[in-house]
Amino acid sequence: MTAECHISSLVVHSRPERVASIIEGLGLIDGAEVHGGADTGKLIVTLETATESQVIERINAIQLLDGVLAATLVFHHFEPVQERE
């Protein structure tokens, strides 16, 4: 089986009063990174994972964070990982 690299981006709509705790919770999710949107409650998030199932698992984990209204997948790209010699 060939190793893969999955890059995904999401928009995470959140309750304004919960943004700080949601950002903190996102920081605990492996491969998740917040790139902005805290001022509007529409967080721009990227995920880096090794499999497609991990993308789904992490989106589900994000949707379960207290104060998240929706986590919408905007972009997904994957490609095989080139092994270094």
Protein backbone atom coordinates (compact mmCIF):
# COMPACT_ATOMS: atom_id res chain seq x y z
CA MET A 1 0.00 0.00 0.00
CA THR A 2 1.36 3.40 -1.00
CA ALA A 3 1.52 6.08 1.67
CA GLU A 4 -0.60 9.15 0.97
CA CYS A 5 -0.75 12.76 2.10
CA HIS A 6 -4.21 14.35 2.41
CA ILE A 7 -4.65 18.11 2.62
CA SER A 8 -8.13 19.44 3.38
CA SER A 9 -9.57 22.83 4.17
CA LEU A 10 -12.71 23.57 6.13
CA VAL A 11 -14.84 26.48 7.20
CA VAL A 12 -15.94 25.97 10.78
CA HIS A 13 -18.97 28.09 11.72
CA SER A 14 -19.08 28.68 15.45
CA ARG A 15 -20.94 30.52 18.16
CA PRO A 16 -19.09 33.83 18.70
CA GLU A 17 -18.87 33.36 22.47
CA ARG A 18 -17.21 29.94 22.02
CA VAL A 19 -14.56 30.84 19.41
CA ALA A 20 -11.63 30.87 21.85
CA SER A 21 -12.46 27.43 23.30
CA ILE A 22 -13.08 26.02 19.81
CA ILE A 23 -9.66 27.24 18.66
CA GLU A 24 -8.17 25.61 21.75
CA GLY A 25 -10.00 22.36 20.95
CA LEU A 26 -8.83 22.46 17.34
CA GLY A 27 -5.27 22.74 18.61
CA LEU A 28 -5.71 19.33 20.25
CA ILE A 29 -6.75 17.65 17.00
CA ASP A 30 -3.76 16.09 15.25
CA GLY A 31 -3.05 17.78 11.91
CA ALA A 32 -5.53 20.65 12.39
CA GLU A 33 -4.43 24.26 12.05
CA VAL A 34 -6.48 27.48 12.27
CA HIS A 35 -5.60 30.16 9.71
CA GLY A 36 -8.06 32.91 10.58
CA GLY A 37 -11.67 33.91 10.96
CA ALA A 38 -11.79 34.21 14.74
CA ASP A 39 -13.22 37.72 14.49
CA THR A 40 -16.27 36.50 12.52
CA GLY A 41 -16.74 33.04 14.05
CA LYS A 42 -16.08 31.45 10.65
CA LEU A 43 -12.77 29.72 11.20
CA ILE A 44 -10.55 28.72 8.30
CA VAL A 45 -9.01 25.37 9.18
CA THR A 46 -6.65 23.01 7.36
CA LEU A 47 -6.17 19.32 8.05
CA GLU A 48 -3.13 17.26 7.12
CA THR A 49 -3.73 13.52 7.39
CA ALA A 50 -2.37 10.23 6.07
CA THR A 51 -5.71 8.71 5.03
CA GLU A 52 -9.16 9.74 3.84
CA SER A 53 -10.75 8.07 6.85
CA GLN A 54 -8.68 10.32 9.14
CA VAL A 55 -10.13 13.35 7.31
CA ILE A 56 -13.65 12.11 8.11
CA GLU A 57 -12.74 11.26 11.72
CA ARG A 58 -11.29 14.72 12.33
CA ILE A 59 -14.22 16.52 10.72
CA ASN A 60 -16.54 14.54 13.00
CA ALA A 61 -14.39 15.46 16.02
CA ILE A 62 -14.53 19.14 15.02
CA GLN A 63 -18.33 19.01 14.66
CA LEU A 64 -18.56 17.64 18.20
CA LEU A 65 -16.69 20.58 19.75
CA ASP A 66 -18.99 22.62 21.97
CA GLY A 67 -20.12 25.73 20.08
CA VAL A 68 -19.45 24.45 16.56
CA LEU A 69 -22.49 24.99 14.37
CA ALA A 70 -21.08 23.35 11.21
CA ALA A 71 -17.78 22.16 9.77
CA THR A 72 -17.88 22.31 5.98
CA LEU A 73 -15.28 20.66 3.77
CA VAL A 74 -14.21 23.19 1.13
CA PHE A 75 -11.20 21.47 -0.46
CA HIS A 76 -9.56 18.05 -0.39
CA HIS A 77 -6.42 16.96 -2.21
CA PHE A 78 -4.30 13.84 -1.86
CA GLU A 79 -1.28 12.38 -3.52
CA PRO A 80 1.17 9.57 -2.91
CA VAL A 81 4.06 10.33 -0.62
CA GLN A 82 7.40 10.10 -2.38
CA GLU A 83 9.83 7.98 -0.41
CA ARG A 84 13.24 9.51 0.12
CA GLU A 85 16.28 7.45 -0.69
